Amino acid sequence: MSSERQGQVGDLRSRSIEELQELLLRQENILSNKRLLRTLPDKGQKIKEFAEKVRLAIEQRGEEERRQRLVSAARAQLQSKYQQAFSGQQRAVPFTPEASCLDEENEGPAGDDTQEQENNAVDMQCDSTAGKMESKESELVQALDRVTLYEEGSRDCKEQMNSEPEDNYFSRKQTAKKPNYITVLEKAEVSAATKKQKFKPNQLPHRNDGSPLGSLSPGRASGTASPLSAQARRERDRKHLDDITAAKLPPLHHSPAQLLSLDESAALVREQTKKQQELQAKQAAQKLSEGLKSSLGSYTPDGGPMAAYREVHDEGAHLSSEED
């Protein structure tokens, strides 16, 4: 147990039923704490699944123990039947008819009456012993039949015990999980391999193979590369120019130039000249109106400094006329 990690239960099949019951009790105690379940990210779903697994393991362990008890009971009953059959066979009298006949021959004729009586007694004894033997044989046959039946039942029980159900979760071999430190090391290696290089303004950015971008043109690739056709090399050069230098014309905003007939081109020229003349006339009228507004605004005969000058000039003329 010291080699196992803390918190790892391991294979539930190797646990005893007392340990499984203790595990189930712990899981039920955890599930009864609703406040703790609310703090968990999965709301205690994994704990519920594990409790169901432990409960299923307890049921299977109880079923196995019940099968073992049935097998042991069948084995004990089988042994008792064998013992009864052997003891009944040993209690049978093997020398009754033949021994009586031999004794009768050895003793000799003692008389006709006595011989007849003895013969009758021997016949009766033979009949009784034959009946007893037949009854013993029938009992033995019945016992042997029962023994074969119990053997088949025990064999079925053993087969059921040996053949575990296919859908049994605990009979499956648990895949060995990768340790946590190995996954952490692998992630660190991947992140170190794909780590972005720090930007330096005085250096060209590097590619994944370590060579700086723009250091070699696509046409000057290393000789180890596979030879390309002229079309593939041209496509690669064009892509290189588009990606790196962008030395190409901007995309067209309008449709390209089209060929027109003479009539269409003459009509377009006339329409263009007409529009140009209208625009020039409009601009000339606008300039003329602006000039007229400026000249009319400066001419004020009824008021302003010119009118005051006239009035002063008239007063001087009036005074000169009075002096005369």
C-alpha atoms as a PDB file:
ATOM      1  CA  MET A   1       0.000   0.000   0.000  1.00  0.00           C
ATOM      2  CA  SER A   2       2.960   2.297   0.518  1.00  0.00           C
ATOM      3  CA  SER A   3       3.769   2.267  -3.209  1.00  0.00           C
ATOM      4  CA  GLU A   4       0.290   3.512  -4.118  1.00  0.00           C
ATOM      5  CA  ARG A   5      -0.298   7.198  -4.494  1.00  0.00           C
ATOM      6  CA  GLN A   6      -2.392   8.972  -1.940  1.00  0.00           C
ATOM      7  CA  GLY A   7      -6.035   9.162  -3.004  1.00  0.00           C
ATOM      8  CA  GLN A   8      -5.743   6.311  -5.534  1.00  0.00           C
ATOM      9  CA  VAL A   9      -8.108   3.408  -4.792  1.00  0.00           C
ATOM     10  CA  GLY A  10      -6.729   0.995  -7.378  1.00  0.00           C
ATOM     11  CA  ASP A  11      -8.496  -2.141  -8.577  1.00  0.00           C
ATOM     12  CA  LEU A  12     -11.764  -2.619  -6.714  1.00  0.00           C
ATOM     13  CA  ARG A  13     -11.719  -6.379  -7.369  1.00  0.00           C
ATOM     14  CA  SER A  14      -8.722  -6.788  -5.074  1.00  0.00           C
ATOM     15  CA  ARG A  15     -10.576  -5.161  -2.183  1.00  0.00           C
ATOM     16  CA  SER A  16     -12.494  -7.081   0.440  1.00  0.00           C
ATOM     17  CA  ILE A  17     -16.193  -6.510   0.980  1.00  0.00           C
ATOM     18  CA  GLU A  18     -15.496  -4.705   4.271  1.00  0.00           C
ATOM     19  CA  GLU A  19     -13.164  -2.251   2.523  1.00  0.00           C
ATOM     20  CA  LEU A  20     -15.717  -1.706  -0.230  1.00  0.00           C
ATOM     21  CA  GLN A  21     -18.436  -1.016   2.327  1.00  0.00           C
ATOM     22  CA  GLU A  22     -16.164   1.473   4.079  1.00  0.00           C
ATOM     23  CA  LEU A  23     -15.454   3.217   0.763  1.00  0.00           C
ATOM     24  CA  LEU A  24     -19.172   3.383   0.004  1.00  0.00           C
ATOM     25  CA  LEU A  25     -19.859   4.851   3.436  1.00  0.00           C
ATOM     26  CA  ARG A  26     -17.233   7.543   2.855  1.00  0.00           C
ATOM     27  CA  GLN A  27     -18.680   8.460  -0.522  1.00  0.00           C
ATOM     28  CA  GLU A  28     -22.183   8.669   0.920  1.00  0.00           C
ATOM     29  CA  ASN A  29     -20.919  10.937   3.702  1.00  0.00           C
ATOM     30  CA  ILE A  30     -19.318  13.220   1.119  1.00  0.00           C
ATOM     31  CA  LEU A  31     -22.485  13.246  -0.977  1.00  0.00           C
ATOM     32  CA  SER A  32     -24.549  14.184   2.071  1.00  0.00           C
ATOM     33  CA  ASN A  33     -22.525  17.413   2.418  1.00  0.00           C
ATOM     34  CA  LYS A  34     -24.453  19.642   0.006  1.00  0.00           C
ATOM     35  CA  ARG A  35     -22.322  22.700   0.694  1.00  0.00           C
ATOM     36  CA  LEU A  36     -19.166  20.853  -0.348  1.00  0.00           C
ATOM     37  CA  LEU A  37     -20.853  19.562  -3.509  1.00  0.00           C
ATOM     38  CA  ARG A  38     -21.849  23.089  -4.524  1.00  0.00           C
ATOM     39  CA  THR A  39     -18.217  24.199  -4.344  1.00  0.00           C
ATOM     40  CA  LEU A  40     -17.036  21.436  -6.704  1.00  0.00           C
ATOM     41  CA  PRO A  41     -16.819  22.263 -10.439  1.00  0.00           C
ATOM     42  CA  ASP A  42     -18.755  19.134 -11.488  1.00  0.00           C
ATOM     43  CA  LYS A  43     -21.233  19.340  -8.571  1.00  0.00           C
ATOM     44  CA  GLY A  44     -20.110  15.936  -7.271  1.00  0.00           C
ATOM     45  CA  GLN A  45     -20.793  13.989 -10.470  1.00  0.00           C
ATOM     46  CA  LYS A  46     -17.521  12.020 -10.273  1.00  0.00           C
ATOM     47  CA  ILE A  47     -18.186  11.139  -6.634  1.00  0.00           C
ATOM     48  CA  LYS A  48     -21.644   9.821  -7.566  1.00  0.00           C
ATOM     49  CA  GLU A  49     -20.201   7.701 -10.381  1.00  0.00           C
ATOM     50  CA  PHE A  50     -17.526   6.279  -8.090  1.00  0.00           C
ATOM     51  CA  ALA A  51     -20.149   5.480  -5.432  1.00  0.00           C
ATOM     52  CA  GLU A  52     -22.184   3.594  -8.062  1.00  0.00           C
ATOM     53  CA  LYS A  53     -19.064   1.632  -9.052  1.00  0.00           C
ATOM     54  CA  VAL A  54     -18.369   0.710  -5.426  1.00  0.00           C
ATOM     55  CA  ARG A  55     -22.001  -0.321  -4.921  1.00  0.00           C
ATOM     56  CA  LEU A  56     -21.854  -2.504  -8.041  1.00  0.00           C
ATOM     57  CA  ALA A  57     -18.602  -4.067  -6.817  1.00  0.00           C
ATOM     58  CA  ILE A  58     -20.234  -4.873  -3.448  1.00  0.00           C
ATOM     59  CA  GLU A  59     -23.180  -6.529  -5.214  1.00  0.00           C
ATOM     60  CA  GLN A  60     -20.865  -8.603  -7.392  1.00  0.00           C
ATOM     61  CA  ARG A  61     -18.777  -9.607  -4.390  1.00  0.00           C
ATOM     62  CA  GLY A  62     -21.936 -10.701  -2.546  1.00  0.00           C
ATOM     63  CA  GLU A  63     -23.041 -12.669  -5.601  1.00  0.00           C
ATOM     64  CA  GLU A  64     -19.660 -14.412  -5.753  1.00  0.00           C
ATOM     65  CA  GLU A  65     -19.824 -15.308  -2.065  1.00  0.00           C
ATOM     66  CA  ARG A  66     -23.340 -16.680  -2.519  1.00  0.00           C
ATOM     67  CA  ARG A  67     -22.139 -18.824  -5.419  1.00  0.00           C
ATOM     68  CA  GLN A  68     -19.248 -20.096  -3.348  1.00  0.00           C
ATOM     69  CA  ARG A  69     -21.619 -21.035  -0.525  1.00  0.00           C
ATOM     70  CA  LEU A  70     -23.853 -22.885  -2.980  1.00  0.00           C
ATOM     71  CA  VAL A  71     -20.865 -24.724  -4.420  1.00  0.00           C
ATOM     72  CA  SER A  72     -19.600 -25.696  -0.960  1.00  0.00           C
ATOM     73  CA  ALA A  73     -23.083 -26.906   0.032  1.00  0.00           C
ATOM     74  CA  ALA A  74     -23.348 -28.942  -3.168  1.00  0.00           C
ATOM     75  CA  ARG A  75     -19.892 -30.422  -2.543  1.00  0.00           C
ATOM     76  CA  ALA A  76     -20.820 -31.410   1.025  1.00  0.00           C
ATOM     77  CA  GLN A  77     -24.080 -32.963  -0.141  1.00  0.00           C
ATOM     78  CA  LEU A  78     -22.219 -34.852  -2.865  1.00  0.00           C
ATOM     79  CA  GLN A  79     -19.755 -36.270  -0.351  1.00  0.00           C
ATOM     80  CA  SER A  80     -22.568 -37.366   1.977  1.00  0.00           C
ATOM     81  CA  LYS A  81     -24.372 -39.115  -0.902  1.00  0.00           C
ATOM     82  CA  TYR A  82     -21.179 -40.947  -1.870  1.00  0.00           C
ATOM     83  CA  GLN A  83     -20.631 -42.049   1.705  1.00  0.00           C
ATOM     84  CA  GLN A  84     -24.225 -43.284   2.011  1.00  0.00           C
ATOM     85  CA  ALA A  85     -23.936 -45.194  -1.271  1.00  0.00           C
ATOM     86  CA  PHE A  86     -20.659 -46.840  -0.252  1.00  0.00           C
ATOM     87  CA  SER A  87     -21.940 -47.741   3.223  1.00  0.00           C
ATOM     88  CA  GLY A  88     -25.146 -49.240   1.767  1.00  0.00           C
ATOM     89  CA  GLN A  89     -23.101 -51.292  -0.681  1.00  0.00           C
ATOM     90  CA  GLN A  90     -20.880 -52.603   2.130  1.00  0.00           C
ATOM     91  CA  ARG A  91     -23.907 -53.566   4.291  1.00  0.00           C
ATOM     92  CA  ALA A  92     -25.273 -55.824   1.533  1.00  0.00           C
ATOM     93  CA  VAL A  93     -24.959 -59.624   2.239  1.00  0.00           C
ATOM     94  CA  PRO A  94     -22.848 -61.159  -0.523  1.00  0.00           C
ATOM     95  CA  PHE A  95     -22.931 -64.862   0.528  1.00  0.00           C
ATOM     96  CA  THR A  96     -26.641 -65.574   1.244  1.00  0.00           C
ATOM     97  CA  PRO A  97     -27.809 -67.687  -1.748  1.00  0.00           C
ATOM     98  CA  GLU A  98     -24.547 -69.267  -2.793  1.00  0.00           C
ATOM     99  CA  ALA A  99     -23.356 -70.003   0.737  1.00  0.00           C
ATOM    100  CA  SER A 100     -26.625 -71.672   1.698  1.00  0.00           C
ATOM    101  CA  CYS A 101     -26.533 -73.860  -1.398  1.00  0.00           C
ATOM    102  CA  LEU A 102     -22.918 -74.878  -0.714  1.00  0.00           C
ATOM    103  CA  ASP A 103     -23.726 -75.707   2.912  1.00  0.00           C
ATOM    104  CA  GLU A 104     -26.643 -77.771   1.779  1.00  0.00           C
ATOM    105  CA  GLU A 105     -24.490 -79.767  -0.622  1.00  0.00           C
ATOM    106  CA  ASN A 106     -21.776 -80.306   1.982  1.00  0.00           C
ATOM    107  CA  GLU A 107     -24.149 -81.499   4.738  1.00  0.00           C
ATOM    108  CA  GLY A 108     -25.696 -84.222   2.558  1.00  0.00           C
ATOM    109  CA  PRO A 109     -29.300 -85.554   2.525  1.00  0.00           C
ATOM    110  CA  ALA A 110     -30.672 -85.757   6.083  1.00  0.00           C
ATOM    111  CA  GLY A 111     -34.125 -86.688   4.957  1.00  0.00           C
ATOM    112  CA  ASP A 112     -36.667 -85.764   2.401  1.00  0.00           C
ATOM    113  CA  ASP A 113     -38.802 -83.731   4.784  1.00  0.00           C
ATOM    114  CA  THR A 114     -35.966 -81.824   6.262  1.00  0.00           C
ATOM    115  CA  GLN A 115     -34.524 -81.226   2.805  1.00  0.00           C
ATOM    116  CA  GLU A 116     -37.796 -79.865   1.531  1.00  0.00           C
ATOM    117  CA  GLN A 117     -38.121 -77.582   4.546  1.00  0.00           C
ATOM    118  CA  GLU A 118     -34.597 -76.410   4.105  1.00  0.00           C
ATOM    119  CA  ASN A 119     -35.186 -75.853   0.400  1.00  0.00           C
ATOM    120  CA  ASN A 120     -38.296 -73.832   1.149  1.00  0.00           C
ATOM    121  CA  ALA A 121     -36.429 -71.781   3.733  1.00  0.00           C
ATOM    122  CA  VAL A 122     -33.568 -71.267   1.318  1.00  0.00           C
ATOM    123  CA  ASP A 123     -35.951 -70.182  -1.419  1.00  0.00           C
ATOM    124  CA  MET A 124     -37.664 -67.750   0.914  1.00  0.00           C
ATOM    125  CA  GLN A 125     -34.311 -66.422   2.070  1.00  0.00           C
ATOM    126  CA  CYS A 126     -33.123 -66.109  -1.527  1.00  0.00           C
ATOM    127  CA  ASP A 127     -36.276 -64.232  -2.476  1.00  0.00           C
ATOM    128  CA  SER A 128     -35.937 -61.867   0.462  1.00  0.00           C
ATOM    129  CA  THR A 129     -32.275 -61.244  -0.217  1.00  0.00           C
ATOM    130  CA  ALA A 130     -32.983 -60.716  -3.924  1.00  0.00           C
ATOM    131  CA  GLY A 131     -35.691 -58.190  -3.056  1.00  0.00           C
ATOM    132  CA  LYS A 132     -33.346 -56.431  -0.660  1.00  0.00           C
ATOM    133  CA  MET A 133     -30.622 -56.370  -3.308  1.00  0.00           C
ATOM    134  CA  GLU A 134     -33.031 -54.968  -5.881  1.00  0.00           C
ATOM    135  CA  SER A 135     -34.150 -52.255  -3.465  1.00  0.00           C
ATOM    136  CA  LYS A 136     -30.516 -51.438  -2.627  1.00  0.00           C
ATOM    137  CA  GLU A 137     -29.640 -51.330  -6.315  1.00  0.00           C
ATOM    138  CA  SER A 138     -32.554 -48.995  -7.051  1.00  0.00           C
ATOM    139  CA  GLU A 139     -31.531 -46.727  -4.173  1.00  0.00           C
ATOM    140  CA  LEU A 140     -27.945 -46.768  -5.413  1.00  0.00           C
ATOM    141  CA  VAL A 141     -29.070 -45.887  -8.944  1.00  0.00           C
ATOM    142  CA  GLN A 142     -31.156 -43.009  -7.617  1.00  0.00           C
ATOM    143  CA  ALA A 143     -28.243 -41.772  -5.524  1.00  0.00           C
ATOM    144  CA  LEU A 144     -25.909 -41.950  -8.513  1.00  0.00           C
ATOM    145  CA  ASP A 145     -28.438 -40.066 -10.646  1.00  0.00           C
ATOM    146  CA  ARG A 146     -28.596 -37.356  -8.036  1.00  0.00           C
ATOM    147  CA  VAL A 147     -24.820 -37.277  -7.862  1.00  0.00           C
ATOM    148  CA  THR A 148     -24.534 -36.671 -11.601  1.00  0.00           C
ATOM    149  CA  LEU A 149     -27.121 -33.928 -11.395  1.00  0.00           C
ATOM    150  CA  TYR A 150     -25.252 -32.198  -8.584  1.00  0.00           C
ATOM    151  CA  GLU A 151     -22.019 -32.561 -10.507  1.00  0.00           C
ATOM    152  CA  GLU A 152     -23.590 -30.815 -13.488  1.00  0.00           C
ATOM    153  CA  GLY A 153     -24.927 -28.086 -11.229  1.00  0.00           C
ATOM    154  CA  SER A 154     -21.538 -27.586  -9.597  1.00  0.00           C
ATOM    155  CA  ARG A 155     -19.913 -27.524 -13.023  1.00  0.00           C
ATOM    156  CA  ASP A 156     -22.397 -24.878 -14.151  1.00  0.00           C
ATOM    157  CA  CYS A 157     -21.681 -22.862 -11.015  1.00  0.00           C
ATOM    158  CA  LYS A 158     -17.939 -23.120 -11.650  1.00  0.00           C
ATOM    159  CA  GLU A 159     -18.412 -22.099 -15.269  1.00  0.00           C
ATOM    160  CA  GLN A 160     -20.523 -19.138 -14.177  1.00  0.00           C
ATOM    161  CA  MET A 161     -17.866 -18.157 -11.667  1.00  0.00           C
ATOM    162  CA  ASN A 162     -15.055 -18.526 -14.180  1.00  0.00           C
ATOM    163  CA  SER A 163     -16.895 -16.773 -17.017  1.00  0.00           C
ATOM    164  CA  GLU A 164     -17.410 -13.216 -15.903  1.00  0.00           C
ATOM    165  CA  PRO A 165     -19.993 -11.090 -17.725  1.00  0.00           C
ATOM    166  CA  GLU A 166     -18.717  -9.091 -20.628  1.00  0.00           C
ATOM    167  CA  ASP A 167     -20.392  -5.887 -19.523  1.00  0.00           C
ATOM    168  CA  ASN A 168     -18.795  -6.036 -16.082  1.00  0.00           C
ATOM    169  CA  TYR A 169     -16.956  -2.763 -15.532  1.00  0.00           C
ATOM    170  CA  PHE A 170     -14.526  -4.153 -12.959  1.00  0.00           C
ATOM    171  CA  SER A 171     -13.493  -7.152 -15.090  1.00  0.00           C
ATOM    172  CA  ARG A 172     -12.021  -4.864 -17.704  1.00  0.00           C
ATOM    173  CA  LYS A 173      -8.347  -4.197 -17.559  1.00  0.00           C
ATOM    174  CA  GLN A 174      -7.751  -0.669 -16.484  1.00  0.00           C
ATOM    175  CA  THR A 175      -5.447   1.133 -18.869  1.00  0.00           C
ATOM    176  CA  ALA A 176      -2.284   2.375 -17.248  1.00  0.00           C
ATOM    177  CA  LYS A 177      -2.530   6.127 -17.011  1.00  0.00           C
ATOM    178  CA  LYS A 178       0.464   8.253 -17.891  1.00  0.00           C
ATOM    179  CA  PRO A 179       2.014   9.890 -14.818  1.00  0.00           C
ATOM    180  CA  ASN A 180       1.434  13.574 -14.381  1.00  0.00           C
ATOM    181  CA  TYR A 181       5.097  14.563 -14.444  1.00  0.00           C
ATOM    182  CA  ILE A 182       5.557  12.953 -17.885  1.00  0.00           C
ATOM    183  CA  THR A 183       2.689  14.999 -19.342  1.00  0.00           C
ATOM    184  CA  VAL A 184       4.120  18.161 -17.777  1.00  0.00           C
ATOM    185  CA  LEU A 185       7.554  17.470 -19.290  1.00  0.00           C
ATOM    186  CA  GLU A 186       6.046  16.811 -22.716  1.00  0.00           C
ATOM    187  CA  LYS A 187       4.083  20.055 -22.592  1.00  0.00           C
ATOM    188  CA  ALA A 188       7.230  21.935 -21.565  1.00  0.00           C
ATOM    189  CA  GLU A 189       9.158  20.446 -24.502  1.00  0.00           C
ATOM    190  CA  VAL A 190       6.416  21.367 -26.972  1.00  0.00           C
ATOM    191  CA  SER A 191       6.137  24.919 -25.632  1.00  0.00           C
ATOM    192  CA  ALA A 192       9.930  25.344 -25.754  1.00  0.00           C
ATOM    193  CA  ALA A 193      10.019  24.110 -29.350  1.00  0.00           C
ATOM    194  CA  THR A 194       7.237  26.456 -30.464  1.00  0.00           C
ATOM    195  CA  LYS A 195       8.394  29.444 -28.412  1.00  0.00           C
ATOM    196  CA  LYS A 196       8.252  32.681 -30.392  1.00  0.00           C
ATOM    197  CA  GLN A 197      11.560  34.472 -30.828  1.00  0.00           C
ATOM    198  CA  LYS A 198      11.892  37.861 -29.190  1.00  0.00           C
ATOM    199  CA  PHE A 199      11.600  40.734 -31.667  1.00  0.00           C
ATOM    200  CA  LYS A 200      14.804  42.660 -32.332  1.00  0.00           C
ATOM    201  CA  PRO A 201      14.631  45.774 -34.531  1.00  0.00           C
ATOM    202  CA  ASN A 202      18.160  45.374 -35.868  1.00  0.00           C
ATOM    203  CA  GLN A 203      17.646  41.780 -37.069  1.00  0.00           C
ATOM    204  CA  LEU A 204      15.426  40.093 -39.597  1.00  0.00           C
ATOM    205  CA  PRO A 205      12.741  37.757 -38.243  1.00  0.00           C
ATOM    206  CA  HIS A 206      13.728  34.083 -38.409  1.00  0.00           C
ATOM    207  CA  ARG A 207      11.777  31.234 -39.850  1.00  0.00           C
ATOM    208  CA  ASN A 208      11.173  27.871 -38.199  1.00  0.00           C
ATOM    209  CA  ASP A 209      14.282  26.402 -39.831  1.00  0.00           C
ATOM    210  CA  GLY A 210      16.503  29.097 -38.258  1.00  0.00           C
ATOM    211  CA  SER A 211      17.289  31.082 -41.424  1.00  0.00           C
ATOM    212  CA  PRO A 212      16.138  34.731 -41.511  1.00  0.00           C
ATOM    213  CA  LEU A 213      13.303  35.698 -43.802  1.00  0.00           C
ATOM    214  CA  GLY A 214      14.432  37.415 -46.965  1.00  0.00           C
ATOM    215  CA  SER A 215      18.005  36.166 -46.631  1.00  0.00           C
ATOM    216  CA  LEU A 216      17.669  33.841 -49.576  1.00  0.00           C
ATOM    217  CA  SER A 217      15.369  34.219 -52.528  1.00  0.00           C
ATOM    218  CA  PRO A 218      13.237  31.248 -53.487  1.00  0.00           C
ATOM    219  CA  GLY A 219      15.276  30.773 -56.633  1.00  0.00           C
ATOM    220  CA  ARG A 220      18.473  30.395 -54.576  1.00  0.00           C
ATOM    221  CA  ALA A 221      17.286  27.576 -52.413  1.00  0.00           C
ATOM    222  CA  SER A 222      19.678  24.904 -51.220  1.00  0.00           C
ATOM    223  CA  GLY A 223      20.615  22.135 -53.546  1.00  0.00           C
ATOM    224  CA  THR A 224      19.165  19.492 -51.271  1.00  0.00           C
ATOM    225  CA  ALA A 225      15.608  20.480 -52.237  1.00  0.00           C
ATOM    226  CA  SER A 226      13.850  18.530 -54.948  1.00  0.00           C
ATOM    227  CA  PRO A 227      14.082  20.086 -58.451  1.00  0.00           C
ATOM    228  CA  LEU A 228      10.999  22.057 -59.450  1.00  0.00           C
ATOM    229  CA  SER A 229       9.563  22.686 -62.861  1.00  0.00           C
ATOM    230  CA  ALA A 230       9.664  26.107 -64.489  1.00  0.00           C
ATOM    231  CA  GLN A 231       5.963  26.720 -63.890  1.00  0.00           C
ATOM    232  CA  ALA A 232       6.222  25.752 -60.203  1.00  0.00           C
ATOM    233  CA  ARG A 233       9.298  27.946 -59.761  1.00  0.00           C
ATOM    234  CA  ARG A 234       7.497  30.860 -61.450  1.00  0.00           C
ATOM    235  CA  GLU A 235       4.494  30.418 -59.169  1.00  0.00           C
ATOM    236  CA  ARG A 236       6.764  30.275 -56.142  1.00  0.00           C
ATOM    237  CA  ASP A 237       8.604  33.438 -57.207  1.00  0.00           C
ATOM    238  CA  ARG A 238       5.318  35.257 -57.755  1.00  0.00           C
ATOM    239  CA  LYS A 239       4.078  34.168 -54.354  1.00  0.00           C
ATOM    240  CA  HIS A 240       7.367  35.250 -52.813  1.00  0.00           C
ATOM    241  CA  LEU A 241       6.986  38.722 -54.351  1.00  0.00           C
ATOM    242  CA  ASP A 242       3.387  38.995 -53.209  1.00  0.00           C
ATOM    243  CA  ASP A 243       4.173  37.910 -49.669  1.00  0.00           C
ATOM    244  CA  ILE A 244       7.406  39.756 -48.999  1.00  0.00           C
ATOM    245  CA  THR A 245       7.888  42.735 -51.314  1.00  0.00           C
ATOM    246  CA  ALA A 246       4.334  43.284 -52.554  1.00  0.00           C
ATOM    247  CA  ALA A 247       5.816  44.649 -55.790  1.00  0.00           C
ATOM    248  CA  LYS A 248       2.660  44.674 -57.851  1.00  0.00           C
ATOM    249  CA  LEU A 249      -0.012  47.112 -58.968  1.00  0.00           C
ATOM    250  CA  PRO A 250      -2.908  47.790 -56.634  1.00  0.00           C
ATOM    251  CA  PRO A 251      -6.172  46.080 -57.504  1.00  0.00           C
ATOM    252  CA  LEU A 252      -8.375  47.820 -60.089  1.00  0.00           C
ATOM    253  CA  HIS A 253     -11.338  49.810 -58.767  1.00  0.00           C
ATOM    254  CA  HIS A 254     -13.035  49.908 -62.187  1.00  0.00           C
ATOM    255  CA  SER A 255     -13.347  47.544 -65.070  1.00  0.00           C
ATOM    256  CA  PRO A 256     -10.460  47.513 -67.543  1.00  0.00           C
ATOM    257  CA  ALA A 257     -10.519  49.501 -70.820  1.00  0.00           C
ATOM    258  CA  GLN A 258     -12.835  48.311 -73.562  1.00  0.00           C
ATOM    259  CA  LEU A 259     -12.760  48.776 -77.344  1.00  0.00           C
ATOM    260  CA  LEU A 260     -15.565  51.021 -78.715  1.00  0.00           C
ATOM    261  CA  SER A 261     -16.788  51.767 -82.211  1.00  0.00           C
ATOM    262  CA  LEU A 262     -16.278  55.178 -83.915  1.00  0.00           C
ATOM    263  CA  ASP A 263     -19.896  56.257 -83.456  1.00  0.00           C
ATOM    264  CA  GLU A 264     -19.856  55.485 -79.751  1.00  0.00           C
ATOM    265  CA  SER A 265     -16.522  57.239 -79.260  1.00  0.00           C
ATOM    266  CA  ALA A 266     -17.753  60.353 -81.204  1.00  0.00           C
ATOM    267  CA  ALA A 267     -20.939  60.492 -79.130  1.00  0.00           C
ATOM    268  CA  LEU A 268     -18.899  60.257 -75.943  1.00  0.00           C
ATOM    269  CA  VAL A 269     -16.576  63.064 -77.109  1.00  0.00           C
ATOM    270  CA  ARG A 270     -19.541  65.337 -77.971  1.00  0.00           C
ATOM    271  CA  GLU A 271     -21.171  64.643 -74.630  1.00  0.00           C
ATOM    272  CA  GLN A 272     -17.929  65.348 -72.825  1.00  0.00           C
ATOM    273  CA  THR A 273     -17.358  68.654 -74.672  1.00  0.00           C
ATOM    274  CA  LYS A 274     -20.957  69.725 -73.989  1.00  0.00           C
ATOM    275  CA  LYS A 275     -20.550  69.005 -70.280  1.00  0.00           C
ATOM    276  CA  GLN A 276     -17.254  70.895 -70.264  1.00  0.00           C
ATOM    277  CA  GLN A 277     -18.810  73.956 -71.970  1.00  0.00           C
ATOM    278  CA  GLU A 278     -21.715  73.959 -69.527  1.00  0.00           C
ATOM    279  CA  LEU A 279     -19.281  73.806 -66.650  1.00  0.00           C
ATOM    280  CA  GLN A 280     -17.212  76.681 -68.074  1.00  0.00           C
ATOM    281  CA  ALA A 281     -20.327  78.847 -68.611  1.00  0.00           C
ATOM    282  CA  LYS A 282     -21.452  78.175 -65.086  1.00  0.00           C
ATOM    283  CA  GLN A 283     -18.064  79.127 -63.691  1.00  0.00           C
ATOM    284  CA  ALA A 284     -17.993  82.359 -65.788  1.00  0.00           C
ATOM    285  CA  ALA A 285     -21.473  83.368 -64.636  1.00  0.00           C
ATOM    286  CA  GLN A 286     -20.495  82.753 -61.042  1.00  0.00           C
ATOM    287  CA  LYS A 287     -17.390  84.917 -61.369  1.00  0.00           C
ATOM    288  CA  LEU A 288     -19.389  87.699 -63.068  1.00  0.00           C
ATOM    289  CA  SER A 289     -22.034  87.699 -60.352  1.00  0.00           C
ATOM    290  CA  GLU A 290     -19.375  87.896 -57.674  1.00  0.00           C
ATOM    291  CA  GLY A 291     -17.775  90.913 -59.431  1.00  0.00           C
ATOM    292  CA  LEU A 292     -21.113  92.712 -59.757  1.00  0.00           C
ATOM    293  CA  LYS A 293     -21.900  92.215 -56.096  1.00  0.00           C
ATOM    294  CA  SER A 294     -18.588  93.720 -55.066  1.00  0.00           C
ATOM    295  CA  SER A 295     -18.994  96.795 -57.366  1.00  0.00           C
ATOM    296  CA  LEU A 296     -22.617  97.481 -56.371  1.00  0.00           C
ATOM    297  CA  GLY A 297     -21.790  97.217 -52.705  1.00  0.00           C
ATOM    298  CA  SER A 298     -19.099  99.951 -52.924  1.00  0.00           C
ATOM    299  CA  TYR A 299     -21.381 102.530 -54.709  1.00  0.00           C
ATOM    300  CA  THR A 300     -23.525 104.404 -52.085  1.00  0.00           C
ATOM    301  CA  PRO A 301     -24.644 107.831 -53.474  1.00  0.00           C
ATOM    302  CA  ASP A 302     -27.274 108.595 -50.820  1.00  0.00           C
ATOM    303  CA  GLY A 303     -25.152 108.161 -47.708  1.00  0.00           C
ATOM    304  CA  GLY A 304     -21.641 107.723 -46.511  1.00  0.00           C
ATOM    305  CA  PRO A 305     -18.632 110.032 -46.701  1.00  0.00           C
ATOM    306  CA  MET A 306     -19.378 111.312 -50.229  1.00  0.00           C
ATOM    307  CA  ALA A 307     -22.749 112.695 -49.135  1.00  0.00           C
ATOM    308  CA  ALA A 308     -21.189 114.420 -46.115  1.00  0.00           C
ATOM    309  CA  TYR A 309     -18.555 115.970 -48.337  1.00  0.00           C
ATOM    310  CA  ARG A 310     -21.199 117.323 -50.628  1.00  0.00           C
ATOM    311  CA  GLU A 311     -23.111 118.906 -47.765  1.00  0.00           C
ATOM    312  CA  VAL A 312     -19.983 120.620 -46.429  1.00  0.00           C
ATOM    313  CA  HIS A 313     -19.079 121.806 -49.869  1.00  0.00           C
ATOM    314  CA  ASP A 314     -22.556 123.267 -50.338  1.00  0.00           C
ATOM    315  CA  GLU A 315     -22.338 125.195 -47.028  1.00  0.00           C
ATOM    316  CA  GLY A 316     -19.048 126.788 -48.065  1.00  0.00           C
ATOM    317  CA  ALA A 317     -20.509 127.880 -51.346  1.00  0.00           C
ATOM    318  CA  HIS A 318     -23.495 129.401 -49.542  1.00  0.00           C
ATOM    319  CA  LEU A 319     -21.190 131.440 -47.223  1.00  0.00           C
ATOM    320  CA  SER A 320     -19.167 132.734 -50.147  1.00  0.00           C
ATOM    321  CA  SER A 321     -22.320 133.865 -51.869  1.00  0.00           C
ATOM    322  CA  GLU A 322     -23.472 135.744 -48.782  1.00  0.00           C
ATOM    323  CA  GLU A 323     -20.155 137.607 -48.496  1.00  0.00           C
ATOM    324  CA  ASP A 324     -20.418 138.758 -51.991  1.00  0.00           C
END
